[in-house]
């Protein structure tokens, strides 16, 4: 990949944006740990509404991170790339080492920076 152009960096940032919602991370984690799951199973495991979940599944599917397979009346979601579990493992490891910085980053959290008294 040629990372020289601003368009490429923008698209690369969009890739990370697809991973940047807690529900989408929970979906990927569930699929990593349990294998293929249908929407009803994901709703039960994540404790969220089907409509809300469907929007996140559509995002993950459109970005190529999950695929679907129809089996009878159900559509099952799978991780689309065998490297996704490794990406999650590495991301979790880095996060564990830097969670305090992430928690206080005003840019990422869009919270105002703490003021010093």
PDB file of N, CA and C in Angstrom:
ATOM      1  N   UNK A   1       0.847  -1.175   0.000  1.00  0.00           N
ATOM      2  CA  UNK A   1       0.000   0.000   0.000  1.00  0.00           C
ATOM      3  C   UNK A   1       0.888   1.231   0.000  1.00  0.00           C
ATOM      4  N   UNK A   2       0.559   2.134  -0.862  1.00  0.00           N
ATOM      5  CA  UNK A   2       1.292   3.395  -0.943  1.00  0.00           C
ATOM      6  C   UNK A   2       0.655   4.387   0.017  1.00  0.00           C
ATOM      7  N   UNK A   3       1.370   4.690   1.083  1.00  0.00           N
ATOM      8  CA  UNK A   3       0.828   5.613   2.088  1.00  0.00           C
ATOM      9  C   UNK A   3       1.279   7.047   1.862  1.00  0.00           C
ATOM     10  N   UNK A   4       1.567   7.382   0.630  1.00  0.00           N
ATOM     11  CA  UNK A   4       2.057   8.718   0.338  1.00  0.00           C
ATOM     12  C   UNK A   4       0.937   9.733   0.151  1.00  0.00           C
ATOM     13  N   UNK A   5      -0.221   9.304  -0.294  1.00  0.00           N
ATOM     14  CA  UNK A   5      -1.277  10.258  -0.606  1.00  0.00           C
ATOM     15  C   UNK A   5      -2.196  10.481   0.595  1.00  0.00           C
ATOM     16  N   UNK A   6      -2.734  11.672   0.685  1.00  0.00           N
ATOM     17  CA  UNK A   6      -3.668  12.015   1.752  1.00  0.00           C
ATOM     18  C   UNK A   6      -4.928  11.158   1.641  1.00  0.00           C
ATOM     19  N   UNK A   7      -5.360  10.849   0.408  1.00  0.00           N
ATOM     20  CA  UNK A   7      -6.549  10.007   0.233  1.00  0.00           C
ATOM     21  C   UNK A   7      -6.338   8.633   0.854  1.00  0.00           C
ATOM     22  N   UNK A   8      -5.131   8.089   0.710  1.00  0.00           N
ATOM     23  CA  UNK A   8      -4.840   6.776   1.276  1.00  0.00           C
ATOM     24  C   UNK A   8      -4.866   6.843   2.799  1.00  0.00           C
ATOM     25  N   UNK A   9      -4.285   7.898   3.359  1.00  0.00           N
ATOM     26  CA  UNK A   9      -4.325   8.048   4.817  1.00  0.00           C
ATOM     27  C   UNK A   9      -5.765   8.225   5.304  1.00  0.00           C
ATOM     28  N   UNK A  10      -6.571   8.945   4.558  1.00  0.00           N
ATOM     29  CA  UNK A  10      -7.969   9.138   4.923  1.00  0.00           C
ATOM     30  C   UNK A  10      -8.710   7.808   4.907  1.00  0.00           C
ATOM     31  N   UNK A  11      -8.482   7.010   3.877  1.00  0.00           N
ATOM     32  CA  UNK A  11      -9.128   5.706   3.791  1.00  0.00           C
ATOM     33  C   UNK A  11      -8.639   4.780   4.901  1.00  0.00           C
ATOM     34  N   UNK A  12      -7.351   4.855   5.210  1.00  0.00           N
ATOM     35  CA  UNK A  12      -6.800   4.055   6.301  1.00  0.00           C
ATOM     36  C   UNK A  12      -7.442   4.456   7.633  1.00  0.00           C
ATOM     37  N   UNK A  13      -7.636   5.756   7.843  1.00  0.00           N
ATOM     38  CA  UNK A  13      -8.320   6.238   9.051  1.00  0.00           C
ATOM     39  C   UNK A  13      -9.767   5.733   9.076  1.00  0.00           C
ATOM     40  N   UNK A  14     -10.404   5.673   7.911  1.00  0.00           N
ATOM     41  CA  UNK A  14     -11.768   5.130   7.833  1.00  0.00           C
ATOM     42  C   UNK A  14     -11.794   3.669   8.262  1.00  0.00           C
ATOM     43  N   UNK A  15     -10.761   2.909   7.906  1.00  0.00           N
ATOM     44  CA  UNK A  15     -10.662   1.515   8.345  1.00  0.00           C
ATOM     45  C   UNK A  15     -10.678   1.450   9.874  1.00  0.00           C
ATOM     46  N   UNK A  16      -9.885   2.283  10.529  1.00  0.00           N
ATOM     47  CA  UNK A  16      -9.847   2.292  11.991  1.00  0.00           C
ATOM     48  C   UNK A  16     -11.173   2.782  12.557  1.00  0.00           C
ATOM     49  N   UNK A  17     -11.843   3.688  11.839  1.00  0.00           N
ATOM     50  CA  UNK A  17     -13.154   4.167  12.281  1.00  0.00           C
ATOM     51  C   UNK A  17     -14.155   3.014  12.347  1.00  0.00           C
ATOM     52  N   UNK A  18     -14.040   2.074  11.418  1.00  0.00           N
ATOM     53  CA  UNK A  18     -14.929   0.908  11.430  1.00  0.00           C
ATOM     54  C   UNK A  18     -14.744   0.089  12.701  1.00  0.00           C
ATOM     55  N   UNK A  19     -13.583   0.169  13.303  1.00  0.00           N
ATOM     56  CA  UNK A  19     -13.294  -0.561  14.539  1.00  0.00           C
ATOM     57  C   UNK A  19     -13.534   0.279  15.788  1.00  0.00           C
ATOM     58  N   UNK A  20     -13.941   1.517  15.625  1.00  0.00           N
ATOM     59  CA  UNK A  20     -13.896   2.456  16.746  1.00  0.00           C
ATOM     60  C   UNK A  20     -15.182   2.553  17.567  1.00  0.00           C
ATOM     61  N   UNK A  21     -16.086   1.626  17.413  1.00  0.00           N
ATOM     62  CA  UNK A  21     -17.293   1.661  18.236  1.00  0.00           C
ATOM     63  C   UNK A  21     -17.313   0.436  19.154  1.00  0.00           C
ATOM     64  N   UNK A  22     -17.663   0.627  20.428  1.00  0.00           N
ATOM     65  CA  UNK A  22     -17.650  -0.505  21.364  1.00  0.00           C
ATOM     66  C   UNK A  22     -18.503  -1.690  20.910  1.00  0.00           C
ATOM     67  N   UNK A  23     -19.644  -1.426  20.304  1.00  0.00           N
ATOM     68  CA  UNK A  23     -20.491  -2.539  19.860  1.00  0.00           C
ATOM     69  C   UNK A  23     -19.816  -3.311  18.739  1.00  0.00           C
ATOM     70  N   UNK A  24     -19.182  -2.624  17.801  1.00  0.00           N
ATOM     71  CA  UNK A  24     -18.500  -3.328  16.708  1.00  0.00           C
ATOM     72  C   UNK A  24     -17.338  -4.155  17.246  1.00  0.00           C
ATOM     73  N   UNK A  25     -16.628  -3.633  18.232  1.00  0.00           N
ATOM     74  CA  UNK A  25     -15.558  -4.425  18.847  1.00  0.00           C
ATOM     75  C   UNK A  25     -16.131  -5.642  19.562  1.00  0.00           C
ATOM     76  N   UNK A  26     -17.255  -5.478  20.239  1.00  0.00           N
ATOM     77  CA  UNK A  26     -17.884  -6.602  20.933  1.00  0.00           C
ATOM     78  C   UNK A  26     -18.363  -7.663  19.935  1.00  0.00           C
ATOM     79  N   UNK A  27     -18.884  -7.231  18.793  1.00  0.00           N
ATOM     80  CA  UNK A  27     -19.297  -8.180  17.750  1.00  0.00           C
ATOM     81  C   UNK A  27     -18.098  -8.974  17.274  1.00  0.00           C
ATOM     82  N   UNK A  28     -17.011  -8.281  16.938  1.00  0.00           N
ATOM     83  CA  UNK A  28     -15.814  -8.979  16.459  1.00  0.00           C
ATOM     84  C   UNK A  28     -15.280  -9.931  17.512  1.00  0.00           C
ATOM     85  N   UNK A  29     -15.294  -9.513  18.761  1.00  0.00           N
ATOM     86  CA  UNK A  29     -14.823 -10.368  19.853  1.00  0.00           C
ATOM     87  C   UNK A  29     -15.704 -11.610  19.989  1.00  0.00           C
ATOM     88  N   UNK A  30     -17.021 -11.430  19.889  1.00  0.00           N
ATOM     89  CA  UNK A  30     -17.936 -12.577  19.987  1.00  0.00           C
ATOM     90  C   UNK A  30     -17.696 -13.558  18.847  1.00  0.00           C
ATOM     91  N   UNK A  31     -17.520 -13.042  17.644  1.00  0.00           N
ATOM     92  CA  UNK A  31     -17.272 -13.920  16.496  1.00  0.00           C
ATOM     93  C   UNK A  31     -15.917 -14.606  16.622  1.00  0.00           C
ATOM     94  N   UNK A  32     -14.939 -13.905  17.171  1.00  0.00           N
ATOM     95  CA  UNK A  32     -13.630 -14.509  17.375  1.00  0.00           C
ATOM     96  C   UNK A  32     -13.707 -15.645  18.388  1.00  0.00           C
ATOM     97  N   UNK A  33     -14.420 -15.429  19.477  1.00  0.00           N
ATOM     98  CA  UNK A  33     -14.470 -16.420  20.554  1.00  0.00           C
ATOM     99  C   UNK A  33     -15.425 -17.572  20.274  1.00  0.00           C
ATOM    100  N   UNK A  34     -16.534 -17.274  19.613  1.00  0.00           N
ATOM    101  CA  UNK A  34     -17.578 -18.286  19.465  1.00  0.00           C
ATOM    102  C   UNK A  34     -17.765 -18.788  18.043  1.00  0.00           C
ATOM    103  N   UNK A  35     -17.130 -18.159  17.079  1.00  0.00           N
ATOM    104  CA  UNK A  35     -17.341 -18.562  15.688  1.00  0.00           C
ATOM    105  C   UNK A  35     -18.593 -17.908  15.132  1.00  0.00           C
ATOM    106  N   UNK A  36     -19.141 -18.507  14.104  1.00  0.00           N
ATOM    107  CA  UNK A  36     -20.290 -17.933  13.406  1.00  0.00           C
ATOM    108  C   UNK A  36     -21.496 -17.803  14.339  1.00  0.00           C
ATOM    109  N   UNK A  37     -22.149 -16.643  14.265  1.00  0.00           N
ATOM    110  CA  UNK A  37     -23.347 -16.377  15.059  1.00  0.00           C
ATOM    111  C   UNK A  37     -24.374 -15.669  14.191  1.00  0.00           C
ATOM    112  N   UNK A  38     -25.641 -15.913  14.470  1.00  0.00           N
ATOM    113  CA  UNK A  38     -26.685 -15.178  13.751  1.00  0.00           C
ATOM    114  C   UNK A  38     -27.080 -13.950  14.573  1.00  0.00           C
ATOM    115  N   UNK A  39     -27.945 -13.121  14.002  1.00  0.00           N
ATOM    116  CA  UNK A  39     -28.315 -11.866  14.654  1.00  0.00           C
ATOM    117  C   UNK A  39     -28.956 -12.126  16.021  1.00  0.00           C
ATOM    118  N   UNK A  40     -29.852 -13.096  16.099  1.00  0.00           N
ATOM    119  CA  UNK A  40     -30.499 -13.390  17.377  1.00  0.00           C
ATOM    120  C   UNK A  40     -29.499 -13.788  18.445  1.00  0.00           C
ATOM    121  N   UNK A  41     -28.526 -14.594  18.073  1.00  0.00           N
ATOM    122  CA  UNK A  41     -27.491 -15.000  19.027  1.00  0.00           C
ATOM    123  C   UNK A  41     -26.652 -13.803  19.469  1.00  0.00           C
ATOM    124  N   UNK A  42     -26.329 -12.924  18.525  1.00  0.00           N
ATOM    125  CA  UNK A  42     -25.558 -11.727  18.867  1.00  0.00           C
ATOM    126  C   UNK A  42     -26.365 -10.791  19.767  1.00  0.00           C
ATOM    127  N   UNK A  43     -27.649 -10.636  19.485  1.00  0.00           N
ATOM    128  CA  UNK A  43     -28.515  -9.809  20.333  1.00  0.00           C
ATOM    129  C   UNK A  43     -28.497 -10.340  21.761  1.00  0.00           C
ATOM    130  N   UNK A  44     -28.639 -11.652  21.908  1.00  0.00           N
ATOM    131  CA  UNK A  44     -28.619 -12.265  23.242  1.00  0.00           C
ATOM    132  C   UNK A  44     -27.287 -12.057  23.940  1.00  0.00           C
ATOM    133  N   UNK A  45     -26.190 -12.258  23.252  1.00  0.00           N
ATOM    134  CA  UNK A  45     -24.866 -12.155  23.869  1.00  0.00           C
ATOM    135  C   UNK A  45     -24.491 -10.720  24.213  1.00  0.00           C
ATOM    136  N   UNK A  46     -24.889  -9.774  23.349  1.00  0.00           N
ATOM    137  CA  UNK A  46     -24.477  -8.389  23.556  1.00  0.00           C
ATOM    138  C   UNK A  46     -25.495  -7.578  24.345  1.00  0.00           C
ATOM    139  N   UNK A  47     -26.724  -8.072  24.434  1.00  0.00           N
ATOM    140  CA  UNK A  47     -27.743  -7.370  25.197  1.00  0.00           C
ATOM    141  C   UNK A  47     -28.162  -6.046  24.584  1.00  0.00           C
ATOM    142  N   UNK A  48     -28.234  -5.983  23.264  1.00  0.00           N
ATOM    143  CA  UNK A  48     -28.666  -4.759  22.578  1.00  0.00           C
ATOM    144  C   UNK A  48     -29.800  -5.109  21.624  1.00  0.00           C
ATOM    145  N   UNK A  49     -30.502  -4.090  21.161  1.00  0.00           N
ATOM    146  CA  UNK A  49     -31.607  -4.296  20.239  1.00  0.00           C
ATOM    147  C   UNK A  49     -31.138  -4.711  18.852  1.00  0.00           C
ATOM    148  N   UNK A  50     -32.008  -5.444  18.172  1.00  0.00           N
ATOM    149  CA  UNK A  50     -31.662  -5.956  16.854  1.00  0.00           C
ATOM    150  C   UNK A  50     -31.440  -4.835  15.841  1.00  0.00           C
ATOM    151  N   UNK A  51     -32.254  -3.797  15.869  1.00  0.00           N
ATOM    152  CA  UNK A  51     -32.092  -2.692  14.934  1.00  0.00           C
ATOM    153  C   UNK A  51     -30.748  -1.998  15.099  1.00  0.00           C
ATOM    154  N   UNK A  52     -30.386  -1.751  16.340  1.00  0.00           N
ATOM    155  CA  UNK A  52     -29.104  -1.098  16.635  1.00  0.00           C
ATOM    156  C   UNK A  52     -27.946  -1.993  16.187  1.00  0.00           C
ATOM    157  N   UNK A  53     -28.050  -3.275  16.494  1.00  0.00           N
ATOM    158  CA  UNK A  53     -27.013  -4.222  16.105  1.00  0.00           C
ATOM    159  C   UNK A  53     -26.885  -4.306  14.588  1.00  0.00           C
ATOM    160  N   UNK A  54     -28.006  -4.311  13.902  1.00  0.00           N
ATOM    161  CA  UNK A  54     -27.987  -4.445  12.444  1.00  0.00           C
ATOM    162  C   UNK A  54     -27.181  -3.326  11.781  1.00  0.00           C
ATOM    163  N   UNK A  55     -27.289  -2.107  12.310  1.00  0.00           N
ATOM    164  CA  UNK A  55     -26.497  -0.999  11.761  1.00  0.00           C
ATOM    165  C   UNK A  55     -25.001  -1.266  11.895  1.00  0.00           C
ATOM    166  N   UNK A  56     -24.591  -1.801  13.026  1.00  0.00           N
ATOM    167  CA  UNK A  56     -23.174  -2.085  13.248  1.00  0.00           C
ATOM    168  C   UNK A  56     -22.708  -3.267  12.402  1.00  0.00           C
ATOM    169  N   UNK A  57     -23.567  -4.278  12.249  1.00  0.00           N
ATOM    170  CA  UNK A  57     -23.210  -5.403  11.382  1.00  0.00           C
ATOM    171  C   UNK A  57     -23.068  -4.946   9.938  1.00  0.00           C
ATOM    172  N   UNK A  58     -23.939  -4.048   9.502  1.00  0.00           N
ATOM    173  CA  UNK A  58     -23.848  -3.517   8.137  1.00  0.00           C
ATOM    174  C   UNK A  58     -22.526  -2.786   7.936  1.00  0.00           C
ATOM    175  N   UNK A  59     -22.106  -2.014   8.926  1.00  0.00           N
ATOM    176  CA  UNK A  59     -20.825  -1.309   8.847  1.00  0.00           C
ATOM    177  C   UNK A  59     -19.680  -2.306   8.726  1.00  0.00           C
ATOM    178  N   UNK A  60     -19.668  -3.298   9.603  1.00  0.00           N
ATOM    179  CA  UNK A  60     -18.596  -4.301   9.580  1.00  0.00           C
ATOM    180  C   UNK A  60     -18.581  -5.076   8.270  1.00  0.00           C
ATOM    181  N   UNK A  61     -19.753  -5.367   7.745  1.00  0.00           N
ATOM    182  CA  UNK A  61     -19.836  -6.099   6.478  1.00  0.00           C
ATOM    183  C   UNK A  61     -19.387  -5.218   5.311  1.00  0.00           C
ATOM    184  N   UNK A  62     -19.867  -3.980   5.271  1.00  0.00           N
ATOM    185  CA  UNK A  62     -19.478  -3.063   4.185  1.00  0.00           C
ATOM    186  C   UNK A  62     -17.983  -2.803   4.172  1.00  0.00           C
ATOM    187  N   UNK A  63     -17.370  -2.809   5.341  1.00  0.00           N
ATOM    188  CA  UNK A  63     -15.925  -2.581   5.434  1.00  0.00           C
ATOM    189  C   UNK A  63     -15.120  -3.858   5.204  1.00  0.00           C
ATOM    190  N   UNK A  64     -15.806  -4.974   5.010  1.00  0.00           N
ATOM    191  CA  UNK A  64     -15.120  -6.219   4.705  1.00  0.00           C
ATOM    192  C   UNK A  64     -14.562  -6.956   5.909  1.00  0.00           C
ATOM    193  N   UNK A  65     -15.020  -6.613   7.105  1.00  0.00           N
ATOM    194  CA  UNK A  65     -14.505  -7.267   8.303  1.00  0.00           C
ATOM    195  C   UNK A  65     -15.296  -8.507   8.681  1.00  0.00           C
ATOM    196  N   UNK A  66     -16.559  -8.577   8.264  1.00  0.00           N
ATOM    197  CA  UNK A  66     -17.370  -9.779   8.465  1.00  0.00           C
ATOM    198  C   UNK A  66     -18.024 -10.164   7.151  1.00  0.00           C
ATOM    199  N   UNK A  67     -18.356 -11.439   7.040  1.00  0.00           N
ATOM    200  CA  UNK A  67     -19.115 -11.948   5.904  1.00  0.00           C
ATOM    201  C   UNK A  67     -20.347 -12.645   6.452  1.00  0.00           C
ATOM    202  N   UNK A  68     -21.272 -12.934   5.558  1.00  0.00           N
ATOM    203  CA  UNK A  68     -22.485 -13.628   5.957  1.00  0.00           C
ATOM    204  C   UNK A  68     -22.639 -14.912   5.164  1.00  0.00           C
ATOM    205  N   UNK A  69     -23.354 -15.838   5.783  1.00  0.00           N
ATOM    206  CA  UNK A  69     -23.669 -17.104   5.125  1.00  0.00           C
ATOM    207  C   UNK A  69     -25.071 -17.509   5.555  1.00  0.00           C
ATOM    208  N   UNK A  70     -25.953 -17.687   4.581  1.00  0.00           N
ATOM    209  CA  UNK A  70     -27.313 -18.113   4.865  1.00  0.00           C
ATOM    210  C   UNK A  70     -27.323 -19.613   5.147  1.00  0.00           C
ATOM    211  N   UNK A  71     -27.979 -19.973   6.244  1.00  0.00           N
ATOM    212  CA  UNK A  71     -28.168 -21.383   6.601  1.00  0.00           C
ATOM    213  C   UNK A  71     -29.625 -21.535   7.011  1.00  0.00           C
ATOM    214  N   UNK A  72     -30.434 -22.031   6.094  1.00  0.00           N
ATOM    215  CA  UNK A  72     -31.857 -22.140   6.364  1.00  0.00           C
ATOM    216  C   UNK A  72     -32.480 -20.774   6.534  1.00  0.00           C
ATOM    217  N   UNK A  73     -33.182 -20.579   7.650  1.00  0.00           N
ATOM    218  CA  UNK A  73     -33.851 -19.301   7.918  1.00  0.00           C
ATOM    219  C   UNK A  73     -32.913 -18.243   8.481  1.00  0.00           C
ATOM    220  N   UNK A  74     -31.703 -18.609   8.809  1.00  0.00           N
ATOM    221  CA  UNK A  74     -30.801 -17.707   9.511  1.00  0.00           C
ATOM    222  C   UNK A  74     -29.625 -17.282   8.638  1.00  0.00           C
ATOM    223  N   UNK A  75     -29.141 -16.089   8.926  1.00  0.00           N
ATOM    224  CA  UNK A  75     -27.916 -15.591   8.315  1.00  0.00           C
ATOM    225  C   UNK A  75     -26.865 -15.553   9.413  1.00  0.00           C
ATOM    226  N   UNK A  76     -25.755 -16.217   9.166  1.00  0.00           N
ATOM    227  CA  UNK A  76     -24.673 -16.277  10.152  1.00  0.00           C
ATOM    228  C   UNK A  76     -23.553 -15.336   9.749  1.00  0.00           C
ATOM    229  N   UNK A  77     -23.014 -14.666  10.744  1.00  0.00           N
ATOM    230  CA  UNK A  77     -21.899 -13.744  10.545  1.00  0.00           C
ATOM    231  C   UNK A  77     -20.611 -14.445  10.943  1.00  0.00           C
ATOM    232  N   UNK A  78     -19.575 -14.218  10.126  1.00  0.00           N
ATOM    233  CA  UNK A  78     -18.247 -14.790  10.346  1.00  0.00           C
ATOM    234  C   UNK A  78     -17.222 -13.665  10.220  1.00  0.00           C
ATOM    235  N   UNK A  79     -16.082 -13.840  10.851  1.00  0.00           N
ATOM    236  CA  UNK A  79     -14.965 -12.934  10.582  1.00  0.00           C
ATOM    237  C   UNK A  79     -14.529 -13.161   9.137  1.00  0.00           C
ATOM    238  N   UNK A  80     -14.300 -12.093   8.417  1.00  0.00           N
ATOM    239  CA  UNK A  80     -13.976 -12.189   6.996  1.00  0.00           C
ATOM    240  C   UNK A  80     -12.493 -12.417   6.733  1.00  0.00           C
ATOM    241  N   UNK A  81     -11.676 -12.191   7.742  1.00  0.00           N
ATOM    242  CA  UNK A  81     -10.227 -12.255   7.543  1.00  0.00           C
ATOM    243  C   UNK A  81      -9.611 -12.939   8.757  1.00  0.00           C
ATOM    244  N   UNK A  82      -8.791 -13.935   8.501  1.00  0.00           N
ATOM    245  CA  UNK A  82      -8.155 -14.678   9.597  1.00  0.00           C
ATOM    246  C   UNK A  82      -7.210 -13.816  10.428  1.00  0.00           C
ATOM    247  N   UNK A  83      -6.873 -12.624   9.944  1.00  0.00           N
ATOM    248  CA  UNK A  83      -5.961 -11.748  10.682  1.00  0.00           C
ATOM    249  C   UNK A  83      -6.681 -10.872  11.700  1.00  0.00           C
ATOM    250  N   UNK A  84      -8.009 -10.831  11.655  1.00  0.00           N
ATOM    251  CA  UNK A  84      -8.757  -9.988  12.587  1.00  0.00           C
ATOM    252  C   UNK A  84      -8.489 -10.377  14.042  1.00  0.00           C
ATOM    253  N   UNK A  85      -8.473 -11.667  14.409  1.00  0.00           N
ATOM    254  CA  UNK A  85      -8.146 -11.992  15.807  1.00  0.00           C
ATOM    255  C   UNK A  85      -6.773 -11.472  16.236  1.00  0.00           C
ATOM    256  N   UNK A  86      -5.798 -11.537  15.351  1.00  0.00           N
ATOM    257  CA  UNK A  86      -4.466 -11.009  15.674  1.00  0.00           C
ATOM    258  C   UNK A  86      -4.529  -9.499  15.865  1.00  0.00           C
ATOM    259  N   UNK A  87      -5.273  -8.823  15.003  1.00  0.00           N
ATOM    260  CA  UNK A  87      -5.438  -7.378  15.128  1.00  0.00           C
ATOM    261  C   UNK A  87      -6.076  -7.033  16.473  1.00  0.00           C
ATOM    262  N   UNK A  88      -7.087  -7.789  16.867  1.00  0.00           N
ATOM    263  CA  UNK A  88      -7.732  -7.554  18.162  1.00  0.00           C
ATOM    264  C   UNK A  88      -6.776  -7.829  19.315  1.00  0.00           C
ATOM    265  N   UNK A  89      -5.997  -8.903  19.217  1.00  0.00           N
ATOM    266  CA  UNK A  89      -5.026  -9.227  20.269  1.00  0.00           C
ATOM    267  C   UNK A  89      -3.988  -8.123  20.426  1.00  0.00           C
ATOM    268  N   UNK A  90      -3.430  -7.674  19.322  1.00  0.00           N
ATOM    269  CA  UNK A  90      -2.401  -6.628  19.366  1.00  0.00           C
ATOM    270  C   UNK A  90      -3.011  -5.324  19.878  1.00  0.00           C
ATOM    271  N   UNK A  91      -4.194  -4.992  19.369  1.00  0.00           N
ATOM    272  CA  UNK A  91      -4.861  -3.767  19.833  1.00  0.00           C
ATOM    273  C   UNK A  91      -5.144  -3.798  21.322  1.00  0.00           C
ATOM    274  N   UNK A  92      -5.592  -4.950  21.819  1.00  0.00           N
ATOM    275  CA  UNK A  92      -5.864  -5.079  23.249  1.00  0.00           C
ATOM    276  C   UNK A  92      -4.587  -4.948  24.075  1.00  0.00           C
ATOM    277  N   UNK A  93      -3.515  -5.558  23.605  1.00  0.00           N
ATOM    278  CA  UNK A  93      -2.245  -5.482  24.331  1.00  0.00           C
ATOM    279  C   UNK A  93      -1.727  -4.049  24.396  1.00  0.00           C
ATOM    280  N   UNK A  94      -1.793  -3.340  23.280  1.00  0.00           N
ATOM    281  CA  UNK A  94      -1.344  -1.944  23.268  1.00  0.00           C
ATOM    282  C   UNK A  94      -2.251  -1.103  24.151  1.00  0.00           C
ATOM    283  N   UNK A  95      -3.568  -1.338  24.052  1.00  0.00           N
ATOM    284  CA  UNK A  95      -4.512  -0.600  24.890  1.00  0.00           C
ATOM    285  C   UNK A  95      -4.220  -0.805  26.367  1.00  0.00           C
ATOM    286  N   UNK A  96      -3.981  -2.049  26.792  1.00  0.00           N
ATOM    287  CA  UNK A  96      -3.688  -2.328  28.210  1.00  0.00           C
ATOM    288  C   UNK A  96      -2.501  -1.511  28.682  1.00  0.00           C
ATOM    289  N   UNK A  97      -1.504  -1.331  27.811  1.00  0.00           N
ATOM    290  CA  UNK A  97      -0.304  -0.580  28.188  1.00  0.00           C
ATOM    291  C   UNK A  97      -0.525   0.932  28.170  1.00  0.00           C
ATOM    292  N   UNK A  98      -1.573   1.392  27.477  1.00  0.00           N
ATOM    293  CA  UNK A  98      -1.751   2.838  27.282  1.00  0.00           C
ATOM    294  C   UNK A  98      -3.158   3.325  27.627  1.00  0.00           C
ATOM    295  N   UNK A  99      -3.919   2.534  28.374  1.00  0.00           N
ATOM    296  CA  UNK A  99      -5.307   2.894  28.650  1.00  0.00           C
ATOM    297  C   UNK A  99      -5.422   4.231  29.364  1.00  0.00           C
ATOM    298  N   UNK A 100      -4.509   4.542  30.253  1.00  0.00           N
ATOM    299  CA  UNK A 100      -4.600   5.799  31.003  1.00  0.00           C
ATOM    300  C   UNK A 100      -4.478   6.998  30.070  1.00  0.00           C
ATOM    301  N   UNK A 101      -3.590   6.906  29.102  1.00  0.00           N
ATOM    302  CA  UNK A 101      -3.451   7.990  28.138  1.00  0.00           C
ATOM    303  C   UNK A 101      -4.683   8.132  27.271  1.00  0.00           C
ATOM    304  N   UNK A 102      -5.232   7.011  26.857  1.00  0.00           N
ATOM    305  CA  UNK A 102      -6.453   7.044  26.048  1.00  0.00           C
ATOM    306  C   UNK A 102      -7.589   7.646  26.865  1.00  0.00           C
ATOM    307  N   UNK A 103      -7.687   7.251  28.121  1.00  0.00           N
ATOM    308  CA  UNK A 103      -8.768   7.736  28.984  1.00  0.00           C
ATOM    309  C   UNK A 103      -8.710   9.236  29.213  1.00  0.00           C
ATOM    310  N   UNK A 104      -7.527   9.822  29.124  1.00  0.00           N
ATOM    311  CA  UNK A 104      -7.397  11.258  29.382  1.00  0.00           C
ATOM    312  C   UNK A 104      -7.178  12.082  28.125  1.00  0.00           C
ATOM    313  N   UNK A 105      -7.198  11.444  26.962  1.00  0.00           N
ATOM    314  CA  UNK A 105      -6.971  12.168  25.705  1.00  0.00           C
ATOM    315  C   UNK A 105      -8.223  12.942  25.318  1.00  0.00           C
ATOM    316  N   UNK A 106      -8.135  14.262  25.384  1.00  0.00           N
ATOM    317  CA  UNK A 106      -9.290  15.110  25.068  1.00  0.00           C
ATOM    318  C   UNK A 106      -9.655  15.043  23.590  1.00  0.00           C
ATOM    319  N   UNK A 107      -8.714  14.752  22.732  1.00  0.00           N
ATOM    320  CA  UNK A 107      -9.002  14.686  21.298  1.00  0.00           C
ATOM    321  C   UNK A 107      -9.817  13.437  20.976  1.00  0.00           C
ATOM    322  N   UNK A 108      -9.390  12.303  21.483  1.00  0.00           N
ATOM    323  CA  UNK A 108     -10.077  11.045  21.200  1.00  0.00           C
ATOM    324  C   UNK A 108     -11.441  11.008  21.859  1.00  0.00           C
ATOM    325  N   UNK A 109     -11.514  11.361  23.107  1.00  0.00           N
ATOM    326  CA  UNK A 109     -12.771  11.262  23.839  1.00  0.00           C
ATOM    327  C   UNK A 109     -13.684  12.448  23.579  1.00  0.00           C
ATOM    328  N   UNK A 110     -13.169  13.484  22.953  1.00  0.00           N
ATOM    329  CA  UNK A 110     -13.898  14.717  22.678  1.00  0.00           C
ATOM    330  C   UNK A 110     -14.439  15.362  23.948  1.00  0.00           C
ATOM    331  N   UNK A 111     -13.727  15.113  25.049  1.00  0.00           N
ATOM    332  CA  UNK A 111     -14.040  15.777  26.309  1.00  0.00           C
ATOM    333  C   UNK A 111     -13.067  16.944  26.444  1.00  0.00           C
ATOM    334  N   UNK A 112     -13.469  17.979  27.135  1.00  0.00           N
ATOM    335  CA  UNK A 112     -12.516  19.055  27.356  1.00  0.00           C
ATOM    336  C   UNK A 112     -11.338  18.562  28.196  1.00  0.00           C
ATOM    337  N   UNK A 113     -10.172  19.045  27.875  1.00  0.00           N
ATOM    338  CA  UNK A 113      -8.975  18.666  28.617  1.00  0.00           C
ATOM    339  C   UNK A 113      -9.106  19.144  30.052  1.00  0.00           C
ATOM    340  N   UNK A 114      -8.613  18.332  30.995  1.00  0.00           N
ATOM    341  CA  UNK A 114      -8.651  18.754  32.395  1.00  0.00           C
ATOM    342  C   UNK A 114      -7.829  20.032  32.582  1.00  0.00           C
ATOM    343  N   UNK A 115      -8.343  20.902  33.420  1.00  0.00           N
ATOM    344  CA  UNK A 115      -7.610  22.135  33.703  1.00  0.00           C
ATOM    345  C   UNK A 115      -6.830  21.964  34.984  1.00  0.00           C
ATOM    346  N   UNK A 116      -5.711  22.629  35.039  1.00  0.00           N
ATOM    347  CA  UNK A 116      -4.881  22.594  36.242  1.00  0.00           C
ATOM    348  C   UNK A 116      -5.259  23.737  37.156  1.00  0.00           C
ATOM    349  N   UNK A 117      -5.409  23.436  38.408  1.00  0.00           N
ATOM    350  CA  UNK A 117      -5.803  24.485  39.375  1.00  0.00           C
ATOM    351  C   UNK A 117      -4.579  25.129  39.953  1.00  0.00           C
TER     352      UNK A 117
END
